[in-house]
C-alpha atoms as a PDB file:
ATOM      1  CA  MET A   1      11.257   0.127 -33.605  1.00  0.00           C
ATOM      2  CA  THR A   2      14.553   0.540 -35.445  1.00  0.00           C
ATOM      3  CA  ASP A   3      17.931   0.975 -33.836  1.00  0.00           C
ATOM      4  CA  ARG A   4      19.056   4.575 -33.437  1.00  0.00           C
ATOM      5  CA  THR A   5      22.429   6.241 -32.989  1.00  0.00           C
ATOM      6  CA  THR A   6      22.917   9.205 -30.655  1.00  0.00           C
ATOM      7  CA  PRO A   7      25.424  12.036 -31.026  1.00  0.00           C
ATOM      8  CA  SER A   8      27.556  10.256 -28.396  1.00  0.00           C
ATOM      9  CA  GLY A   9      28.071   7.329 -30.779  1.00  0.00           C
ATOM     10  CA  ALA A  10      25.985   4.942 -28.699  1.00  0.00           C
ATOM     11  CA  GLY A  11      23.127   3.144 -30.409  1.00  0.00           C
ATOM     12  CA  THR A  12      19.745   2.491 -28.781  1.00  0.00           C
ATOM     13  CA  ARG A  13      17.688  -0.631 -29.384  1.00  0.00           C
ATOM     14  CA  GLY A  14      15.455  -3.154 -27.704  1.00  0.00           C
ATOM     15  CA  PHE A  15      16.753  -5.651 -25.156  1.00  0.00           C
ATOM     16  CA  ARG A  16      18.597  -8.661 -26.554  1.00  0.00           C
ATOM     17  CA  VAL A  17      19.834 -11.916 -25.087  1.00  0.00           C
ATOM     18  CA  GLY A  18      23.187 -11.209 -23.457  1.00  0.00           C
ATOM     19  CA  ASP A  19      22.362  -7.639 -22.368  1.00  0.00           C
ATOM     20  CA  GLY A  20      21.420  -8.530 -18.790  1.00  0.00           C
ATOM     21  CA  PRO A  21      24.808  -8.729 -17.045  1.00  0.00           C
ATOM     22  CA  GLY A  22      26.105  -5.551 -18.688  1.00  0.00           C
ATOM     23  CA  LEU A  23      22.849  -3.746 -17.944  1.00  0.00           C
ATOM     24  CA  VAL A  24      23.029  -4.606 -14.230  1.00  0.00           C
ATOM     25  CA  GLU A  25      26.664  -3.466 -14.042  1.00  0.00           C
ATOM     26  CA  ALA A  26      25.869  -0.208 -15.841  1.00  0.00           C
ATOM     27  CA  TRP A  27      22.958   0.323 -13.440  1.00  0.00           C
ATOM     28  CA  ARG A  28      25.308  -0.032 -10.466  1.00  0.00           C
ATOM     29  CA  ARG A  29      27.711   2.536 -11.903  1.00  0.00           C
ATOM     30  CA  SER A  30      24.857   4.894 -12.731  1.00  0.00           C
ATOM     31  CA  ALA A  31      22.785   4.668  -9.546  1.00  0.00           C
ATOM     32  CA  PRO A  32      25.122   3.645  -6.685  1.00  0.00           C
ATOM     33  CA  ALA A  33      22.515   4.721  -4.123  1.00  0.00           C
ATOM     34  CA  ASP A  34      20.122   2.098  -5.511  1.00  0.00           C
ATOM     35  CA  PRO A  35      22.177  -0.831  -6.843  1.00  0.00           C
ATOM     36  CA  LEU A  36      20.424  -3.774  -8.466  1.00  0.00           C
ATOM     37  CA  THR A  37      21.330  -7.458  -8.321  1.00  0.00           C
ATOM     38  CA  PRO A  38      20.922  -9.881 -11.233  1.00  0.00           C
ATOM     39  CA  ASP A  39      18.220 -11.833  -9.407  1.00  0.00           C
ATOM     40  CA  ARG A  40      16.172  -8.679  -8.708  1.00  0.00           C
ATOM     41  CA  PHE A  41      16.502  -7.628 -12.345  1.00  0.00           C
ATOM     42  CA  ARG A  42      15.328 -11.085 -13.382  1.00  0.00           C
ATOM     43  CA  SER A  43      12.363 -11.019 -10.998  1.00  0.00           C
ATOM     44  CA  LEU A  44      11.266  -7.409 -11.524  1.00  0.00           C
ATOM     45  CA  VAL A  45      11.802  -7.164 -15.268  1.00  0.00           C
ATOM     46  CA  LEU A  46      12.527 -10.334 -17.223  1.00  0.00           C
ATOM     47  CA  LEU A  47       9.936 -12.493 -15.434  1.00  0.00           C
ATOM     48  CA  ASP A  48       7.246  -9.803 -15.400  1.00  0.00           C
ATOM     49  CA  ALA A  49       4.219 -11.006 -17.359  1.00  0.00           C
ATOM     50  CA  ASN A  50       4.061  -7.558 -18.995  1.00  0.00           C
ATOM     51  CA  PHE A  51       7.698  -7.485 -20.128  1.00  0.00           C
ATOM     52  CA  ASP A  52       8.286  -6.783 -23.815  1.00  0.00           C
ATOM     53  CA  PRO A  53      11.962  -6.776 -24.916  1.00  0.00           C
ATOM     54  CA  GLU A  54      11.330  -3.876 -27.308  1.00  0.00           C
ATOM     55  CA  GLY A  55      10.071  -1.757 -24.409  1.00  0.00           C
ATOM     56  CA  LEU A  56      13.399  -2.045 -22.601  1.00  0.00           C
ATOM     57  CA  ARG A  57      15.468   0.446 -24.611  1.00  0.00           C
ATOM     58  CA  VAL A  58      19.182  -0.283 -24.233  1.00  0.00           C
ATOM     59  CA  ALA A  59      22.041   2.043 -25.177  1.00  0.00           C
ATOM     60  CA  VAL A  60      25.169   0.242 -26.382  1.00  0.00           C
ATOM     61  CA  ASP A  61      28.530   1.758 -27.259  1.00  0.00           C
ATOM     62  CA  GLY A  62      30.435  -0.957 -29.085  1.00  0.00           C
ATOM     63  CA  ASP A  63      29.736  -4.042 -26.993  1.00  0.00           C
ATOM     64  CA  ARG A  64      29.251  -2.109 -23.749  1.00  0.00           C
ATOM     65  CA  VAL A  65      25.856  -1.249 -22.226  1.00  0.00           C
ATOM     66  CA  VAL A  66      25.919   2.436 -21.232  1.00  0.00           C
ATOM     67  CA  GLY A  67      22.277   3.111 -20.394  1.00  0.00           C
ATOM     68  CA  ALA A  68      18.683   1.946 -20.505  1.00  0.00           C
ATOM     69  CA  ALA A  69      15.093   3.154 -20.194  1.00  0.00           C
ATOM     70  CA  TYR A  70      12.312   0.696 -19.463  1.00  0.00           C
ATOM     71  CA  ALA A  71       8.809   1.191 -20.864  1.00  0.00           C
ATOM     72  CA  VAL A  72       5.997  -1.190 -19.969  1.00  0.00           C
ATOM     73  CA  ARG A  73       2.266  -1.514 -20.580  1.00  0.00           C
ATOM     74  CA  ARG A  74      -0.214  -4.075 -19.337  1.00  0.00           C
ATOM     75  CA  LEU A  75      -0.481  -7.299 -21.291  1.00  0.00           C
ATOM     76  CA  THR A  76      -2.181  -8.973 -18.329  1.00  0.00           C
ATOM     77  CA  PRO A  77      -4.597  -7.090 -16.040  1.00  0.00           C
ATOM     78  CA  MET A  78      -3.690  -6.160 -12.492  1.00  0.00           C
ATOM     79  CA  SER A  79      -7.185  -7.208 -11.488  1.00  0.00           C
ATOM     80  CA  GLY A  80     -10.340  -8.156 -13.329  1.00  0.00           C
ATOM     81  CA  THR A  81     -10.083  -7.529 -17.062  1.00  0.00           C
ATOM     82  CA  ASP A  82      -8.790  -3.925 -17.116  1.00  0.00           C
ATOM     83  CA  LEU A  83      -5.659  -3.572 -19.248  1.00  0.00           C
ATOM     84  CA  GLU A  84      -5.582   0.215 -18.677  1.00  0.00           C
ATOM     85  CA  PRO A  85      -5.274   0.837 -22.433  1.00  0.00           C
ATOM     86  CA  GLU A  86      -4.273   4.510 -22.102  1.00  0.00           C
ATOM     87  CA  GLN A  87      -1.696   3.931 -19.363  1.00  0.00           C
ATOM     88  CA  GLY A  88       2.016   3.237 -19.661  1.00  0.00           C
ATOM     89  CA  TRP A  89       4.916   3.361 -17.235  1.00  0.00           C
ATOM     90  CA  ILE A  90       8.621   4.052 -17.208  1.00  0.00           C
ATOM     91  CA  PRO A  91       9.803   2.314 -14.027  1.00  0.00           C
ATOM     92  CA  PHE A  92      13.465   3.321 -14.463  1.00  0.00           C
ATOM     93  CA  PHE A  93      16.120   4.821 -16.693  1.00  0.00           C
ATOM     94  CA  PHE A  94      19.834   5.437 -16.254  1.00  0.00           C
ATOM     95  CA  VAL A  95      22.962   6.524 -18.131  1.00  0.00           C
ATOM     96  CA  ASP A  96      26.505   5.457 -17.302  1.00  0.00           C
ATOM     97  CA  PRO A  97      28.411   8.454 -15.825  1.00  0.00           C
ATOM     98  CA  ALA A  98      31.037   8.146 -18.575  1.00  0.00           C
ATOM     99  CA  ALA A  99      28.355   8.599 -21.266  1.00  0.00           C
ATOM    100  CA  ARG A 100      26.487  11.561 -19.781  1.00  0.00           C
ATOM    101  CA  GLY A 101      26.234  15.106 -21.098  1.00  0.00           C
ATOM    102  CA  ARG A 102      25.673  14.131 -24.744  1.00  0.00           C
ATOM    103  CA  GLY A 103      21.915  13.681 -24.913  1.00  0.00           C
ATOM    104  CA  LEU A 104      21.790   9.926 -24.353  1.00  0.00           C
ATOM    105  CA  GLY A 105      19.324  10.084 -21.463  1.00  0.00           C
ATOM    106  CA  ARG A 106      16.933  12.202 -23.502  1.00  0.00           C
ATOM    107  CA  ARG A 107      17.211   9.822 -26.474  1.00  0.00           C
ATOM    108  CA  LEU A 108      16.517   6.776 -24.289  1.00  0.00           C
ATOM    109  CA  LEU A 109      13.479   8.378 -22.663  1.00  0.00           C
ATOM    110  CA  THR A 110      12.193   9.623 -26.023  1.00  0.00           C
ATOM    111  CA  ASP A 111      12.568   6.102 -27.421  1.00  0.00           C
ATOM    112  CA  ALA A 112      10.647   4.707 -24.452  1.00  0.00           C
ATOM    113  CA  LEU A 113       7.881   7.295 -24.804  1.00  0.00           C
ATOM    114  CA  ASP A 114       7.641   6.739 -28.549  1.00  0.00           C
ATOM    115  CA  TRP A 115       7.308   3.011 -27.984  1.00  0.00           C
ATOM    116  CA  LEU A 116       4.496   3.524 -25.488  1.00  0.00           C
ATOM    117  CA  HIS A 117       2.710   6.041 -27.718  1.00  0.00           C
ATOM    118  CA  GLY A 118       3.016   3.570 -30.595  1.00  0.00           C
ATOM    119  CA  HIS A 119       0.988   1.181 -28.455  1.00  0.00           C
ATOM    120  CA  GLY A 120      -1.700   3.810 -27.819  1.00  0.00           C
ATOM    121  CA  ARG A 121      -0.486   4.905 -24.376  1.00  0.00           C
ATOM    122  CA  THR A 122      -1.255   8.595 -23.944  1.00  0.00           C
ATOM    123  CA  ARG A 123      -0.592   8.754 -20.192  1.00  0.00           C
ATOM    124  CA  VAL A 124       2.817   7.718 -18.833  1.00  0.00           C
ATOM    125  CA  ASP A 125       3.788   7.536 -15.159  1.00  0.00           C
ATOM    126  CA  PHE A 126       7.248   7.488 -13.637  1.00  0.00           C
ATOM    127  CA  SER A 127       7.752   5.163 -11.855  1.00  0.00           C
ATOM    128  CA  SER A 128       4.797   3.833  -9.875  1.00  0.00           C
ATOM    129  CA  TYR A 129       4.302   0.657 -11.906  1.00  0.00           C
ATOM    130  CA  THR A 130       2.802  -2.288 -10.082  1.00  0.00           C
ATOM    131  CA  PRO A 131       3.474  -5.044  -9.417  1.00  0.00           C
ATOM    132  CA  ASN A 132       7.196  -4.674 -10.127  1.00  0.00           C
ATOM    133  CA  TYR A 133       8.328  -1.159  -9.360  1.00  0.00           C
ATOM    134  CA  VAL A 134      11.950  -0.711  -8.313  1.00  0.00           C
ATOM    135  CA  LEU A 135      11.305   2.525  -6.411  1.00  0.00           C
ATOM    136  CA  PRO A 136       7.969   4.337  -5.914  1.00  0.00           C
ATOM    137  CA  GLY A 137       9.089   7.375  -7.880  1.00  0.00           C
ATOM    138  CA  LEU A 138      11.943   9.816  -8.407  1.00  0.00           C
ATOM    139  CA  ASP A 139      14.176  10.784  -5.492  1.00  0.00           C
ATOM    140  CA  ALA A 140      14.979  14.238  -6.842  1.00  0.00           C
ATOM    141  CA  GLY A 141      17.448  14.947  -4.048  1.00  0.00           C
ATOM    142  CA  THR A 142      19.565  11.955  -5.012  1.00  0.00           C
ATOM    143  CA  TYR A 143      19.077  12.312  -8.776  1.00  0.00           C
ATOM    144  CA  PRO A 144      18.705  16.042  -9.573  1.00  0.00           C
ATOM    145  CA  GLU A 145      19.828  15.657 -13.199  1.00  0.00           C
ATOM    146  CA  ALA A 146      17.146  13.027 -13.800  1.00  0.00           C
ATOM    147  CA  ALA A 147      14.569  15.378 -12.268  1.00  0.00           C
ATOM    148  CA  LYS A 148      15.535  18.169 -14.689  1.00  0.00           C
ATOM    149  CA  LEU A 149      15.398  15.822 -17.681  1.00  0.00           C
ATOM    150  CA  LEU A 150      11.984  14.421 -16.793  1.00  0.00           C
ATOM    151  CA  ASP A 151      10.647  17.918 -16.206  1.00  0.00           C
ATOM    152  CA  SER A 152      11.926  19.052 -19.625  1.00  0.00           C
ATOM    153  CA  LEU A 153      10.049  16.136 -21.211  1.00  0.00           C
ATOM    154  CA  GLY A 154       6.751  17.207 -19.651  1.00  0.00           C
ATOM    155  CA  PHE A 155       6.562  15.012 -16.549  1.00  0.00           C
ATOM    156  CA  ARG A 156       4.780  16.693 -13.648  1.00  0.00           C
ATOM    157  CA  THR A 157       4.479  15.651 -10.008  1.00  0.00           C
ATOM    158  CA  LEU A 158       1.248  13.852  -9.133  1.00  0.00           C
ATOM    159  CA  TYR A 159       2.052  13.344  -5.463  1.00  0.00           C
ATOM    160  CA  GLU A 160       4.920  12.426  -3.173  1.00  0.00           C
ATOM    161  CA  ALA A 161       5.541   9.094  -1.468  1.00  0.00           C
ATOM    162  CA  ALA A 162       7.581   8.895   1.729  1.00  0.00           C
ATOM    163  CA  ALA A 163       9.789   5.988   2.706  1.00  0.00           C
ATOM    164  CA  MET A 164      10.108   5.570   6.473  1.00  0.00           C
ATOM    165  CA  ASP A 165      12.255   3.604   8.913  1.00  0.00           C
ATOM    166  CA  ARG A 166      12.156   2.852  12.627  1.00  0.00           C
ATOM    167  CA  GLY A 167      14.867   1.278  14.740  1.00  0.00           C
ATOM    168  CA  LEU A 168      13.743  -1.726  16.787  1.00  0.00           C
ATOM    169  CA  VAL A 169      16.759  -2.207  19.056  1.00  0.00           C
ATOM    170  CA  GLY A 170      15.355  -1.786  22.551  1.00  0.00           C
ATOM    171  CA  TYR A 171      11.782  -1.691  21.256  1.00  0.00           C
ATOM    172  CA  ARG A 172       9.054  -2.207  23.842  1.00  0.00           C
ATOM    173  CA  PHE A 173       5.337  -2.481  23.239  1.00  0.00           C
ATOM    174  CA  PRO A 174       4.107   0.988  24.292  1.00  0.00           C
ATOM    175  CA  GLY A 175       1.756   1.310  27.225  1.00  0.00           C
ATOM    176  CA  VAL A 176      -0.798   3.387  25.305  1.00  0.00           C
ATOM    177  CA  ALA A 177      -1.061   0.674  22.630  1.00  0.00           C
ATOM    178  CA  ALA A 178      -1.311  -2.061  25.265  1.00  0.00           C
ATOM    179  CA  ARG A 179      -4.155  -0.265  27.007  1.00  0.00           C
ATOM    180  CA  ARG A 180      -5.987   0.242  23.719  1.00  0.00           C
ATOM    181  CA  ARG A 181      -5.507  -3.417  22.814  1.00  0.00           C
ATOM    182  CA  ASP A 182      -7.004  -4.447  26.162  1.00  0.00           C
ATOM    183  CA  GLU A 183      -9.939  -2.058  25.755  1.00  0.00           C
ATOM    184  CA  LEU A 184     -10.716  -3.335  22.250  1.00  0.00           C
ATOM    185  CA  THR A 185     -10.354  -6.955  23.365  1.00  0.00           C
ATOM    186  CA  ALA A 186     -12.761  -6.334  26.247  1.00  0.00           C
ATOM    187  CA  ARG A 187     -15.302  -5.051  23.707  1.00  0.00           C
ATOM    188  CA  GLY A 188     -15.035  -8.249  21.686  1.00  0.00           C
ATOM    189  CA  HIS A 189     -12.297  -7.495  19.146  1.00  0.00           C
ATOM    190  CA  ARG A 190      -9.861 -10.329  18.449  1.00  0.00           C
ATOM    191  CA  PHE A 191      -6.232 -10.071  17.369  1.00  0.00           C
ATOM    192  CA  ALA A 192      -4.528 -13.190  16.081  1.00  0.00           C
ATOM    193  CA  THR A 193      -2.393 -14.889  13.490  1.00  0.00           C
ATOM    194  CA  PRO A 194      -4.766 -15.758  10.627  1.00  0.00           C
ATOM    195  CA  SER A 195      -5.813 -19.307   9.943  1.00  0.00           C
ATOM    196  CA  ASP A 196      -5.868 -20.645   6.402  1.00  0.00           C
ATOM    197  CA  ASP A 197      -9.588 -19.910   6.207  1.00  0.00           C
ATOM    198  CA  ASP A 198      -9.033 -16.304   7.342  1.00  0.00           C
ATOM    199  CA  LEU A 199      -7.040 -15.698   4.171  1.00  0.00           C
ATOM    200  CA  VAL A 200     -10.202 -15.544   2.087  1.00  0.00           C
ATOM    201  CA  ASP A 201     -11.386 -12.458   3.973  1.00  0.00           C
ATOM    202  CA  LEU A 202      -7.883 -11.024   4.189  1.00  0.00           C
ATOM    203  CA  LEU A 203      -7.290 -11.141   0.440  1.00  0.00           C
ATOM    204  CA  ALA A 204     -10.714  -9.661  -0.255  1.00  0.00           C
ATOM    205  CA  LEU A 205     -10.097  -6.756   2.142  1.00  0.00           C
ATOM    206  CA  ALA A 206      -6.543  -6.151   0.889  1.00  0.00           C
ATOM    207  CA  GLY A 207      -7.813  -6.091  -2.693  1.00  0.00           C
ATOM    208  CA  ARG A 208     -10.282  -3.343  -1.780  1.00  0.00           C
ATOM    209  CA  PHE A 209      -7.361  -1.164  -0.716  1.00  0.00           C
ATOM    210  CA  ASN A 210      -5.078  -2.040  -3.611  1.00  0.00           C
ATOM    211  CA  PRO A 211      -5.133  -5.039  -5.973  1.00  0.00           C
ATOM    212  CA  ASP A 212      -1.334  -5.191  -5.729  1.00  0.00           C
ATOM    213  CA  TRP A 213      -1.544  -5.708  -1.973  1.00  0.00           C
ATOM    214  CA  ALA A 214      -3.716  -8.783  -2.433  1.00  0.00           C
ATOM    215  CA  ARG A 215      -1.290 -10.074  -5.069  1.00  0.00           C
ATOM    216  CA  ALA A 216       1.715  -9.507  -2.785  1.00  0.00           C
ATOM    217  CA  ILE A 217       0.070 -11.335   0.112  1.00  0.00           C
ATOM    218  CA  ARG A 218      -1.036 -14.217  -2.088  1.00  0.00           C
ATOM    219  CA  ASP A 219       2.367 -14.573  -3.729  1.00  0.00           C
ATOM    220  CA  CYS A 220       4.409 -14.430  -0.532  1.00  0.00           C
ATOM    221  CA  LEU A 221       2.237 -16.998   1.243  1.00  0.00           C
ATOM    222  CA  ALA A 222       2.301 -19.297  -1.790  1.00  0.00           C
ATOM    223  CA  ALA A 223       6.105 -19.000  -1.719  1.00  0.00           C
ATOM    224  CA  GLY A 224       6.204 -20.138   1.895  1.00  0.00           C
ATOM    225  CA  THR A 225       6.070 -16.986   4.045  1.00  0.00           C
ATOM    226  CA  PRO A 226       4.773 -18.151   7.465  1.00  0.00           C
ATOM    227  CA  LEU A 227       1.341 -16.997   8.558  1.00  0.00           C
ATOM    228  CA  ASP A 228       2.776 -15.638  11.805  1.00  0.00           C
ATOM    229  CA  ARG A 229       4.131 -12.671   9.838  1.00  0.00           C
ATOM    230  CA  ILE A 230       0.515 -11.442   9.771  1.00  0.00           C
ATOM    231  CA  VAL A 231      -1.804 -10.185  12.513  1.00  0.00           C
ATOM    232  CA  VAL A 232      -5.503  -9.835  11.718  1.00  0.00           C
ATOM    233  CA  ALA A 233      -8.198  -8.079  13.727  1.00  0.00           C
ATOM    234  CA  ARG A 234     -11.857  -9.074  13.805  1.00  0.00           C
ATOM    235  CA  ASP A 235     -14.575  -6.891  15.295  1.00  0.00           C
ATOM    236  CA  PRO A 236     -17.190  -8.170  17.766  1.00  0.00           C
ATOM    237  CA  SER A 237     -19.435  -9.310  14.897  1.00  0.00           C
ATOM    238  CA  GLY A 238     -16.606 -11.444  13.462  1.00  0.00           C
ATOM    239  CA  ARG A 239     -15.954  -9.188  10.474  1.00  0.00           C
ATOM    240  CA  LEU A 240     -12.319  -8.708   9.459  1.00  0.00           C
ATOM    241  CA  ALA A 241     -11.553  -5.130  10.492  1.00  0.00           C
ATOM    242  CA  GLY A 242      -7.890  -4.859   9.522  1.00  0.00           C
ATOM    243  CA  TRP A 243      -4.505  -6.473   9.335  1.00  0.00           C
ATOM    244  CA  ALA A 244      -0.793  -5.714   9.474  1.00  0.00           C
ATOM    245  CA  MET A 245       2.189  -7.792   8.414  1.00  0.00           C
ATOM    246  CA  HIS A 246       5.848  -7.915   7.457  1.00  0.00           C
ATOM    247  CA  GLY A 247       7.979  -9.966   5.096  1.00  0.00           C
ATOM    248  CA  ALA A 248       5.572  -9.769   2.159  1.00  0.00           C
ATOM    249  CA  TYR A 249       7.993  -8.380  -0.408  1.00  0.00           C
ATOM    250  CA  ALA A 250      11.012 -10.302  -1.715  1.00  0.00           C
ATOM    251  CA  SER A 251      11.327 -12.164   1.605  1.00  0.00           C
ATOM    252  CA  ALA A 252      12.569  -8.947   3.258  1.00  0.00           C
ATOM    253  CA  ASP A 253      11.703  -9.716   6.880  1.00  0.00           C
ATOM    254  CA  GLU A 254      12.330  -6.145   8.065  1.00  0.00           C
ATOM    255  CA  ARG A 255      10.027  -4.619   5.448  1.00  0.00           C
ATOM    256  CA  PHE A 256       6.719  -3.687   7.058  1.00  0.00           C
ATOM    257  CA  GLY A 257       3.411  -3.928   5.201  1.00  0.00           C
ATOM    258  CA  PRO A 258       0.992  -4.093   3.584  1.00  0.00           C
ATOM    259  CA  PHE A 259      -1.196  -2.740   6.373  1.00  0.00           C
ATOM    260  CA  GLY A 260      -4.856  -1.693   6.288  1.00  0.00           C
ATOM    261  CA  VAL A 261      -7.812  -0.868   8.524  1.00  0.00           C
ATOM    262  CA  ARG A 262     -11.415  -0.463   7.360  1.00  0.00           C
ATOM    263  CA  GLU A 263     -12.261   3.209   6.984  1.00  0.00           C
ATOM    264  CA  GLU A 264     -15.058   3.100   9.536  1.00  0.00           C
ATOM    265  CA  MET A 265     -12.639   1.657  12.129  1.00  0.00           C
ATOM    266  CA  ARG A 266     -10.035   4.388  11.755  1.00  0.00           C
ATOM    267  CA  GLY A 267      -9.592   6.648  14.744  1.00  0.00           C
ATOM    268  CA  THR A 268     -10.388   3.822  17.160  1.00  0.00           C
ATOM    269  CA  GLY A 269      -6.757   2.909  17.863  1.00  0.00           C
ATOM    270  CA  LEU A 270      -7.098  -0.365  15.978  1.00  0.00           C
ATOM    271  CA  GLY A 271      -4.357   0.574  13.521  1.00  0.00           C
ATOM    272  CA  THR A 272      -1.971   1.526  16.308  1.00  0.00           C
ATOM    273  CA  VAL A 273      -2.529  -1.825  18.004  1.00  0.00           C
ATOM    274  CA  LEU A 274      -2.009  -3.803  14.793  1.00  0.00           C
ATOM    275  CA  LEU A 275       1.136  -1.849  13.942  1.00  0.00           C
ATOM    276  CA  HIS A 276       2.713  -2.482  17.330  1.00  0.00           C
ATOM    277  CA  LEU A 277       1.685  -6.128  17.461  1.00  0.00           C
ATOM    278  CA  VAL A 278       3.646  -6.673  14.254  1.00  0.00           C
ATOM    279  CA  LEU A 279       6.618  -4.569  15.401  1.00  0.00           C
ATOM    280  CA  GLU A 280       6.707  -6.675  18.570  1.00  0.00           C
ATOM    281  CA  ARG A 281       6.815  -9.854  16.486  1.00  0.00           C
ATOM    282  CA  MET A 282       9.524  -8.414  14.260  1.00  0.00           C
ATOM    283  CA  ARG A 283      11.693  -7.566  17.259  1.00  0.00           C
ATOM    284  CA  ALA A 284      11.104 -11.029  18.711  1.00  0.00           C
ATOM    285  CA  ARG A 285      12.484 -12.458  15.465  1.00  0.00           C
ATOM    286  CA  GLY A 286      15.643 -10.370  15.893  1.00  0.00           C
ATOM    287  CA  ALA A 287      14.835  -7.512  13.515  1.00  0.00           C
ATOM    288  CA  HIS A 288      16.932  -4.391  14.118  1.00  0.00           C
ATOM    289  CA  SER A 289      14.624  -2.110  12.145  1.00  0.00           C
ATOM    290  CA  ALA A 290      11.321  -1.819  10.320  1.00  0.00           C
ATOM    291  CA  TRP A 291      10.999   0.033   7.023  1.00  0.00           C
ATOM    292  CA  PHE A 292       8.686   0.564   4.084  1.00  0.00           C
ATOM    293  CA  LEU A 293       8.786   2.525   0.830  1.00  0.00           C
ATOM    294  CA  TRP A 294       5.448   4.186   0.341  1.00  0.00           C
ATOM    295  CA  THR A 295       3.052   6.359   2.326  1.00  0.00           C
ATOM    296  CA  GLY A 296       1.824   9.937   2.250  1.00  0.00           C
ATOM    297  CA  GLU A 297       3.672  12.002   4.859  1.00  0.00           C
ATOM    298  CA  ARG A 298       0.542  14.009   5.672  1.00  0.00           C
ATOM    299  CA  SER A 299      -1.905  11.129   5.352  1.00  0.00           C
ATOM    300  CA  PRO A 300      -3.541   9.478   8.384  1.00  0.00           C
ATOM    301  CA  ALA A 301      -1.187   6.528   7.874  1.00  0.00           C
ATOM    302  CA  GLY A 302       1.814   8.855   7.789  1.00  0.00           C
ATOM    303  CA  ARG A 303       0.755  10.458  11.074  1.00  0.00           C
ATOM    304  CA  LEU A 304       0.233   7.025  12.632  1.00  0.00           C
ATOM    305  CA  TYR A 305       3.707   5.895  11.604  1.00  0.00           C
ATOM    306  CA  ARG A 306       5.349   9.038  12.960  1.00  0.00           C
ATOM    307  CA  ALA A 307       3.521   8.598  16.278  1.00  0.00           C
ATOM    308  CA  ALA A 308       4.961   5.078  16.408  1.00  0.00           C
ATOM    309  CA  GLY A 309       8.511   6.376  16.000  1.00  0.00           C
ATOM    310  CA  PHE A 310       9.023   6.118  12.241  1.00  0.00           C
ATOM    311  CA  THR A 311      10.967   8.881  10.496  1.00  0.00           C
ATOM    312  CA  THR A 312      11.106   9.777   6.812  1.00  0.00           C
ATOM    313  CA  THR A 313      14.268   8.557   5.113  1.00  0.00           C
ATOM    314  CA  ARG A 314      13.512   9.405   1.465  1.00  0.00           C
ATOM    315  CA  VAL A 315      10.817  11.221  -0.496  1.00  0.00           C
ATOM    316  CA  PHE A 316       9.854  10.072  -3.991  1.00  0.00           C
ATOM    317  CA  ARG A 317       7.951  12.060  -6.601  1.00  0.00           C
ATOM    318  CA  VAL A 318       5.379  10.103  -8.575  1.00  0.00           C
ATOM    319  CA  LEU A 319       5.381  11.814 -11.988  1.00  0.00           C
ATOM    320  CA  ARG A 320       3.009  11.812 -14.948  1.00  0.00           C
ATOM    321  CA  ARG A 321       3.217  12.905 -18.575  1.00  0.00           C
ATOM    322  CA  GLU A 322       0.089  13.233 -20.682  1.00  0.00           C
ATOM    323  CA  ALA A 323       0.215  13.510 -24.452  1.00  0.00           C
ATOM    324  CA  ALA A 324      -1.206  16.705 -25.953  1.00  0.00           C
ATOM    325  CA  ARG A 325      -4.796  16.202 -27.072  1.00  0.00           C
END
């Protein structure tokens, strides 16, 4: 893809060596509600196995980075052998406030879309790329101008993801959860920190929910996350029925999840018990809060979290654009 010049005088091109520091600084000026550090940029973008420098479209005015839009497609499968050949993602874009109002955001996004379409991607999502999404989607309340631009380019809302938080100062294991734990234990259910051998079943079950969950658990444990950040539940037959954990993502000890319960066990109180067993451990480690980025507000999980005292802090729109057929 050739370099292009916008009416603002800024040129757009693929990422080059030396762009990183200026890109991170421009990001901070552009999105102060969601600043990025150099190490997160390195981990989420530069070290991603799917990263292609030409997909990271950078706007430069002179020697100054003033914007970027990141397009990515699978070069390595998330699981199995599926490269999702029709699917592309734009995990983020931004324009420096000093360079706005002159069409630069539209040019960057058009460049990113053209790059993806040139690689056969006819379906593009913003911004639910796994494994290395920065945010689950667009926070339209925080970034209304970005919402208008994406809408004008044909992106439509697929669904909304809620981020939730819960304070843990003064947390106590609730009586209703304690009684349910005792009832389930009396019936033969077991709740415990997993052993090394338990991880085989845990990764298999997590992968059934979401391949990225299995990857996150595998990666964090390989990096040294202690097993006591996880609680697993086995039913009376010995089958793994569910799990909950914290500290799986970027060593953020106060980040809750992933968390899953077999469908046939939902409604039994098992999820409530697992959730509170992990919150209890988090508080014992000195955590002041528990938070996560992604659930459906009206989903069974969303209702469970609200019953446990979580409140919605942000709502993200997962968006999709499909090329005309």
